N, C-alpha and C. Protein backbone atom coordinates (compact mmCIF):
# COMPACT_ATOMS: atom_id res chain seq x y z
N MET A 1 112.11 86.71 84.38
CA MET A 1 110.82 87.18 84.90
C MET A 1 110.52 88.54 84.29
N PRO A 2 109.31 88.73 83.79
CA PRO A 2 108.99 89.99 83.11
C PRO A 2 108.63 91.15 84.02
N PHE A 3 108.98 91.05 85.31
CA PHE A 3 108.79 92.21 86.16
C PHE A 3 109.87 92.24 87.24
N SER A 4 110.17 93.45 87.69
CA SER A 4 111.02 93.61 88.87
C SER A 4 110.31 94.62 89.76
N ILE A 5 110.47 94.43 91.05
CA ILE A 5 109.83 95.32 92.01
C ILE A 5 110.88 95.71 93.05
N SER A 6 110.95 97.01 93.32
CA SER A 6 111.96 97.50 94.26
C SER A 6 111.50 98.85 94.83
N TRP A 7 112.23 99.29 95.85
CA TRP A 7 111.99 100.62 96.39
C TRP A 7 112.76 101.63 95.54
N TYR A 8 112.07 102.60 94.99
CA TYR A 8 112.75 103.71 94.31
C TYR A 8 113.25 104.69 95.36
N VAL A 9 112.39 104.95 96.35
CA VAL A 9 112.76 105.68 97.57
C VAL A 9 112.37 104.75 98.71
N PRO A 10 113.33 104.31 99.53
CA PRO A 10 113.03 103.34 100.59
C PRO A 10 111.83 103.75 101.46
N ASP A 11 110.92 102.78 101.59
CA ASP A 11 109.71 102.91 102.41
C ASP A 11 108.69 103.93 101.91
N ARG A 12 108.94 104.57 100.76
CA ARG A 12 108.03 105.62 100.30
C ARG A 12 107.56 105.48 98.85
N VAL A 13 108.42 105.04 97.94
CA VAL A 13 108.04 104.96 96.53
C VAL A 13 108.49 103.60 95.98
N ILE A 14 107.51 102.83 95.49
CA ILE A 14 107.77 101.52 94.91
C ILE A 14 107.85 101.67 93.40
N LEU A 15 108.79 100.97 92.79
CA LEU A 15 108.92 100.97 91.33
C LEU A 15 108.78 99.54 90.83
N VAL A 16 107.80 99.33 89.94
CA VAL A 16 107.63 98.06 89.26
C VAL A 16 107.96 98.29 87.80
N GLU A 17 108.88 97.49 87.28
CA GLU A 17 109.25 97.58 85.87
C GLU A 17 108.79 96.31 85.18
N LEU A 18 107.97 96.48 84.16
CA LEU A 18 107.39 95.36 83.42
C LEU A 18 108.06 95.24 82.06
N SER A 19 108.21 94.00 81.59
CA SER A 19 108.79 93.80 80.26
C SER A 19 108.29 92.49 79.66
N GLY A 20 108.43 92.37 78.36
CA GLY A 20 108.09 91.13 77.68
C GLY A 20 106.61 90.83 77.70
N VAL A 21 106.28 89.54 77.87
CA VAL A 21 104.89 89.07 77.92
C VAL A 21 104.54 88.83 79.38
N LEU A 22 103.47 89.46 79.83
CA LEU A 22 103.08 89.40 81.24
C LEU A 22 101.87 88.48 81.40
N THR A 23 101.97 87.49 82.31
CA THR A 23 100.86 86.57 82.56
C THR A 23 100.04 87.06 83.75
N THR A 24 98.86 86.52 83.88
CA THR A 24 97.98 86.86 85.01
C THR A 24 98.63 86.45 86.33
N THR A 25 99.29 85.30 86.36
CA THR A 25 99.96 84.84 87.57
C THR A 25 101.05 85.83 87.99
N GLU A 26 101.80 86.34 87.05
CA GLU A 26 102.84 87.32 87.36
C GLU A 26 102.22 88.63 87.88
N ILE A 27 101.11 89.01 87.31
CA ILE A 27 100.40 90.22 87.80
C ILE A 27 99.96 90.00 89.25
N GLN A 28 99.41 88.83 89.54
CA GLN A 28 98.99 88.53 90.90
C GLN A 28 100.19 88.53 91.85
N THR A 29 101.32 88.02 91.39
CA THR A 29 102.52 87.97 92.23
C THR A 29 103.03 89.36 92.55
N PHE A 30 103.20 90.22 91.53
CA PHE A 30 103.74 91.55 91.84
C PHE A 30 102.72 92.41 92.56
N THR A 31 101.44 92.16 92.38
CA THR A 31 100.42 92.89 93.12
C THR A 31 100.48 92.52 94.61
N ALA A 32 100.64 91.23 94.91
CA ALA A 32 100.74 90.79 96.31
C ALA A 32 102.01 91.33 96.95
N GLN A 33 103.14 91.27 96.24
CA GLN A 33 104.40 91.81 96.77
C GLN A 33 104.28 93.32 97.02
N SER A 34 103.64 94.01 96.11
CA SER A 34 103.45 95.45 96.25
C SER A 34 102.61 95.77 97.48
N TYR A 35 101.56 95.01 97.68
CA TYR A 35 100.68 95.23 98.82
C TYR A 35 101.47 95.08 100.13
N GLU A 36 102.32 94.05 100.20
CA GLU A 36 103.14 93.84 101.40
C GLU A 36 104.11 95.00 101.60
N MET A 37 104.70 95.50 100.52
CA MET A 37 105.63 96.62 100.62
C MET A 37 104.92 97.88 101.08
N ILE A 38 103.73 98.13 100.54
CA ILE A 38 102.95 99.31 100.94
C ILE A 38 102.62 99.21 102.43
N ALA A 39 102.23 98.02 102.88
CA ALA A 39 101.90 97.82 104.29
C ALA A 39 103.11 98.07 105.19
N ALA A 40 104.30 97.72 104.72
CA ALA A 40 105.52 97.87 105.52
C ALA A 40 106.12 99.28 105.42
N GLY A 41 105.70 100.05 104.42
CA GLY A 41 106.29 101.37 104.20
C GLY A 41 105.73 102.43 105.13
N LYS A 42 106.23 103.65 104.94
CA LYS A 42 105.77 104.81 105.72
C LYS A 42 104.79 105.60 104.86
N PRO A 43 103.56 105.77 105.35
CA PRO A 43 102.55 106.46 104.54
C PRO A 43 102.96 107.88 104.18
N LEU A 44 102.53 108.28 103.09
CA LEU A 44 101.90 107.59 102.01
C LEU A 44 102.95 106.95 101.12
N VAL A 45 102.67 105.69 100.72
CA VAL A 45 103.56 104.96 99.84
C VAL A 45 103.01 105.06 98.42
N HIS A 46 103.81 105.62 97.53
CA HIS A 46 103.41 105.80 96.14
C HIS A 46 103.93 104.63 95.32
N PHE A 47 103.25 104.37 94.21
CA PHE A 47 103.48 103.16 93.43
C PHE A 47 103.60 103.55 91.96
N ILE A 48 104.75 103.28 91.36
CA ILE A 48 104.97 103.59 89.95
C ILE A 48 105.16 102.29 89.18
N THR A 49 104.38 102.12 88.13
CA THR A 49 104.54 100.96 87.25
C THR A 49 105.04 101.46 85.91
N ASP A 50 106.22 101.01 85.53
CA ASP A 50 106.81 101.37 84.25
C ASP A 50 106.49 100.26 83.25
N SER A 51 105.58 100.54 82.34
CA SER A 51 105.13 99.53 81.37
C SER A 51 105.70 99.78 79.97
N GLN A 52 106.72 100.60 79.88
CA GLN A 52 107.26 100.97 78.57
C GLN A 52 107.89 99.81 77.81
N GLN A 53 108.32 98.76 78.52
CA GLN A 53 108.98 97.63 77.86
C GLN A 53 108.08 96.40 77.69
N ILE A 54 106.80 96.56 77.98
CA ILE A 54 105.87 95.43 77.82
C ILE A 54 105.59 95.21 76.34
N ARG A 55 105.61 93.97 75.94
CA ARG A 55 105.24 93.64 74.55
C ARG A 55 103.78 93.21 74.49
N LYS A 56 103.35 92.50 75.54
CA LYS A 56 102.00 91.93 75.51
C LYS A 56 101.57 91.53 76.91
N ILE A 57 100.27 91.62 77.15
CA ILE A 57 99.67 91.04 78.35
C ILE A 57 98.91 89.82 77.87
N GLU A 58 99.22 88.68 78.47
CA GLU A 58 98.68 87.41 77.99
C GLU A 58 97.15 87.42 77.87
N SER A 59 96.46 87.85 78.92
CA SER A 59 95.00 87.93 78.89
C SER A 59 94.59 89.23 79.57
N ILE A 60 94.21 90.20 78.78
CA ILE A 60 93.86 91.52 79.33
C ILE A 60 92.66 91.42 80.29
N PRO A 61 91.58 90.72 79.93
CA PRO A 61 90.46 90.63 80.89
C PRO A 61 90.87 90.00 82.23
N GLU A 62 91.67 88.93 82.18
CA GLU A 62 92.12 88.28 83.41
C GLU A 62 93.06 89.19 84.20
N ALA A 63 93.91 89.92 83.49
CA ALA A 63 94.83 90.85 84.15
C ALA A 63 94.06 91.93 84.89
N LEU A 64 93.03 92.46 84.26
CA LEU A 64 92.23 93.51 84.91
C LEU A 64 91.49 92.97 86.14
N LYS A 65 91.01 91.73 86.05
CA LYS A 65 90.37 91.10 87.21
C LYS A 65 91.36 90.96 88.36
N ALA A 66 92.59 90.55 88.03
CA ALA A 66 93.62 90.37 89.06
C ALA A 66 93.93 91.69 89.76
N VAL A 67 94.04 92.75 88.99
CA VAL A 67 94.34 94.06 89.57
C VAL A 67 93.16 94.54 90.41
N GLN A 68 91.96 94.36 89.89
CA GLN A 68 90.77 94.81 90.59
C GLN A 68 90.55 94.02 91.88
N ALA A 69 91.00 92.77 91.93
CA ALA A 69 90.80 91.93 93.11
C ALA A 69 91.65 92.37 94.30
N SER A 70 92.72 93.12 94.03
CA SER A 70 93.57 93.56 95.14
C SER A 70 93.05 94.89 95.69
N PRO A 71 92.75 94.92 96.97
CA PRO A 71 92.19 96.15 97.55
C PRO A 71 93.26 97.23 97.69
N ASN A 72 92.81 98.48 97.75
CA ASN A 72 93.73 99.58 98.04
C ASN A 72 94.14 99.49 99.51
N HIS A 73 95.41 99.70 99.77
CA HIS A 73 95.89 99.70 101.16
C HIS A 73 95.76 101.11 101.72
N GLU A 74 95.46 101.22 103.00
CA GLU A 74 95.29 102.54 103.62
C GLU A 74 96.57 103.37 103.58
N ASN A 75 97.74 102.74 103.47
CA ASN A 75 99.01 103.47 103.36
C ASN A 75 99.30 103.93 101.94
N GLY A 76 98.48 103.48 101.00
CA GLY A 76 98.74 103.77 99.59
C GLY A 76 98.54 105.22 99.23
N GLY A 77 99.46 105.73 98.43
CA GLY A 77 99.38 107.09 97.92
C GLY A 77 98.92 107.07 96.47
N TRP A 78 99.72 107.66 95.62
CA TRP A 78 99.41 107.72 94.20
C TRP A 78 99.84 106.44 93.49
N TYR A 79 99.01 105.97 92.57
CA TYR A 79 99.32 104.84 91.70
C TYR A 79 99.54 105.42 90.31
N ILE A 80 100.76 105.29 89.83
CA ILE A 80 101.15 105.92 88.57
C ILE A 80 101.53 104.85 87.55
N MET A 81 101.01 104.97 86.34
CA MET A 81 101.38 104.10 85.23
C MET A 81 102.19 104.94 84.25
N VAL A 82 103.36 104.43 83.86
CA VAL A 82 104.21 105.11 82.89
C VAL A 82 104.24 104.27 81.63
N GLY A 83 103.93 104.92 80.51
CA GLY A 83 103.92 104.22 79.22
C GLY A 83 102.51 103.88 78.80
N SER A 84 102.41 103.41 77.59
CA SER A 84 101.12 103.06 77.01
C SER A 84 101.20 101.65 76.47
N ILE A 85 100.41 100.75 77.01
CA ILE A 85 100.41 99.37 76.55
C ILE A 85 99.59 99.28 75.27
N ASN A 86 98.34 99.60 75.35
CA ASN A 86 97.48 99.75 74.17
C ASN A 86 96.25 100.52 74.61
N PRO A 87 95.50 101.07 73.68
CA PRO A 87 94.36 101.92 74.06
C PRO A 87 93.34 101.23 74.96
N PHE A 88 93.08 99.95 74.72
CA PHE A 88 92.10 99.24 75.55
C PHE A 88 92.59 99.13 76.99
N VAL A 89 93.86 98.77 77.17
CA VAL A 89 94.41 98.65 78.53
C VAL A 89 94.40 100.00 79.22
N ASN A 90 94.75 101.05 78.50
CA ASN A 90 94.70 102.40 79.09
C ASN A 90 93.29 102.74 79.55
N PHE A 91 92.31 102.49 78.68
CA PHE A 91 90.92 102.76 79.04
C PHE A 91 90.50 101.94 80.25
N ALA A 92 90.82 100.64 80.23
CA ALA A 92 90.41 99.75 81.32
C ALA A 92 91.09 100.15 82.63
N SER A 93 92.37 100.51 82.57
CA SER A 93 93.09 100.94 83.78
C SER A 93 92.46 102.19 84.36
N ASP A 94 92.14 103.14 83.49
CA ASP A 94 91.49 104.37 83.95
C ASP A 94 90.13 104.06 84.58
N PHE A 95 89.38 103.15 83.96
CA PHE A 95 88.07 102.79 84.44
C PHE A 95 88.14 102.08 85.79
N VAL A 96 89.03 101.07 85.90
CA VAL A 96 89.16 100.33 87.16
C VAL A 96 89.60 101.25 88.28
N SER A 97 90.51 102.17 88.00
CA SER A 97 90.97 103.08 89.06
C SER A 97 89.85 103.99 89.53
N SER A 98 88.97 104.39 88.63
CA SER A 98 87.86 105.24 89.06
C SER A 98 86.86 104.46 89.90
N ILE A 99 86.63 103.20 89.56
CA ILE A 99 85.73 102.36 90.36
C ILE A 99 86.31 102.12 91.74
N MET A 100 87.62 101.87 91.80
CA MET A 100 88.27 101.58 93.08
C MET A 100 88.59 102.85 93.86
N ARG A 101 88.33 103.99 93.24
CA ARG A 101 88.59 105.29 93.88
C ARG A 101 90.03 105.45 94.34
N SER A 102 90.93 105.02 93.48
CA SER A 102 92.34 105.17 93.81
C SER A 102 92.87 106.46 93.19
N ARG A 103 93.94 106.95 93.77
CA ARG A 103 94.61 108.12 93.22
C ARG A 103 95.50 107.60 92.10
N TYR A 104 95.06 107.76 90.89
CA TYR A 104 95.72 107.14 89.73
C TYR A 104 95.95 108.17 88.63
N ARG A 105 97.14 108.10 88.03
CA ARG A 105 97.45 108.92 86.86
C ARG A 105 98.32 108.09 85.93
N ARG A 106 98.29 108.46 84.66
CA ARG A 106 99.12 107.81 83.65
C ARG A 106 99.95 108.87 82.96
N PHE A 107 101.24 108.57 82.75
CA PHE A 107 102.16 109.50 82.09
C PHE A 107 102.94 108.77 81.02
N ASP A 108 103.46 109.54 80.07
CA ASP A 108 104.26 108.97 78.99
C ASP A 108 105.69 108.67 79.41
N THR A 109 106.23 109.47 80.34
CA THR A 109 107.63 109.29 80.73
C THR A 109 107.76 109.17 82.25
N MET A 110 108.85 108.55 82.64
CA MET A 110 109.15 108.40 84.05
C MET A 110 109.38 109.76 84.71
N GLN A 111 110.04 110.66 84.02
CA GLN A 111 110.30 111.98 84.59
C GLN A 111 109.00 112.72 84.90
N GLU A 112 108.01 112.62 84.01
CA GLU A 112 106.71 113.24 84.27
C GLU A 112 106.07 112.65 85.52
N ALA A 113 106.17 111.33 85.67
CA ALA A 113 105.59 110.66 86.84
C ALA A 113 106.26 111.12 88.13
N LEU A 114 107.59 111.17 88.12
CA LEU A 114 108.31 111.59 89.33
C LEU A 114 108.03 113.05 89.67
N ASP A 115 107.98 113.90 88.66
CA ASP A 115 107.66 115.31 88.90
C ASP A 115 106.26 115.45 89.51
N PHE A 116 105.31 114.66 89.02
CA PHE A 116 103.94 114.69 89.54
C PHE A 116 103.91 114.29 91.02
N ILE A 117 104.60 113.20 91.35
CA ILE A 117 104.61 112.75 92.74
C ILE A 117 105.24 113.80 93.66
N LYS A 118 106.33 114.40 93.21
CA LYS A 118 106.98 115.43 94.04
C LYS A 118 106.08 116.64 94.22
N GLU A 119 105.26 116.96 93.22
CA GLU A 119 104.31 118.07 93.35
C GLU A 119 103.23 117.74 94.38
N ARG A 120 102.82 116.48 94.42
CA ARG A 120 101.73 116.08 95.30
C ARG A 120 102.19 115.74 96.71
N ASP A 121 103.47 115.35 96.87
CA ASP A 121 103.99 114.95 98.17
C ASP A 121 105.32 115.68 98.39
N GLU A 122 105.24 116.83 99.02
CA GLU A 122 106.42 117.68 99.19
C GLU A 122 107.49 117.04 100.07
N SER A 123 107.13 116.04 100.86
CA SER A 123 108.12 115.38 101.70
C SER A 123 109.14 114.59 100.88
N LEU A 124 108.84 114.36 99.62
CA LEU A 124 109.74 113.59 98.75
C LEU A 124 110.69 114.47 97.93
N VAL A 125 110.46 115.76 97.90
CA VAL A 125 111.24 116.66 97.04
C VAL A 125 112.73 116.53 97.30
N SER A 126 113.14 116.51 98.54
CA SER A 126 114.58 116.49 98.84
C SER A 126 115.19 115.10 98.86
N ILE A 127 114.39 114.04 98.89
CA ILE A 127 114.96 112.69 98.99
C ILE A 127 114.79 111.84 97.74
N MET A 128 114.01 112.30 96.77
CA MET A 128 113.79 111.48 95.59
C MET A 128 114.97 111.62 94.63
N PRO A 129 115.62 110.48 94.31
CA PRO A 129 116.78 110.57 93.40
C PRO A 129 116.33 110.88 91.98
N PRO A 130 117.21 111.43 91.17
CA PRO A 130 116.86 111.70 89.77
C PRO A 130 116.73 110.37 89.03
N TYR A 131 115.90 110.37 88.04
CA TYR A 131 115.71 109.17 87.24
C TYR A 131 116.83 109.02 86.25
N GLN A 132 117.42 107.87 86.20
CA GLN A 132 118.52 107.57 85.28
C GLN A 132 117.96 106.72 84.14
N VAL A 133 118.06 107.22 82.93
CA VAL A 133 117.63 106.44 81.77
C VAL A 133 118.75 105.46 81.45
N VAL A 134 118.41 104.18 81.42
CA VAL A 134 119.38 103.14 81.11
C VAL A 134 119.20 102.74 79.66
N GLN A 135 120.25 102.86 78.91
CA GLN A 135 120.21 102.50 77.49
C GLN A 135 120.40 100.98 77.34
N PRO A 136 119.60 100.36 76.46
CA PRO A 136 119.78 98.92 76.23
C PRO A 136 121.18 98.63 75.66
N LYS A 137 121.71 97.46 76.00
CA LYS A 137 123.05 97.08 75.52
C LYS A 137 123.01 96.53 74.12
């Protein structure tokens, strides 16, 4: 499966890691799982998507529709994208987030994303674990 979803910080920060070729169905699946996790978490629940290992999105227009179809949850905090898929996806993600009025930022590295969240949510400073870079085997 080209995505994994887990708690980076239990009940507070969700981490989605994407890889390979991502289909619209998979986007809908991880979006629905994320929504359930945000609903079950303790506000504000922040959401980090690591797209550094993505090779391709099967249908960019359909993917954007799938993301736009999911409403923002009232418990939702910052939505962070790490990595750059391609210029069009970056532009579209920025555009969709502005339409949906979500708190959205994009960063090149995971460390930048985590530092940003800790700056915006001081309650996470003491409980957020350091990011461990895992080298491919």
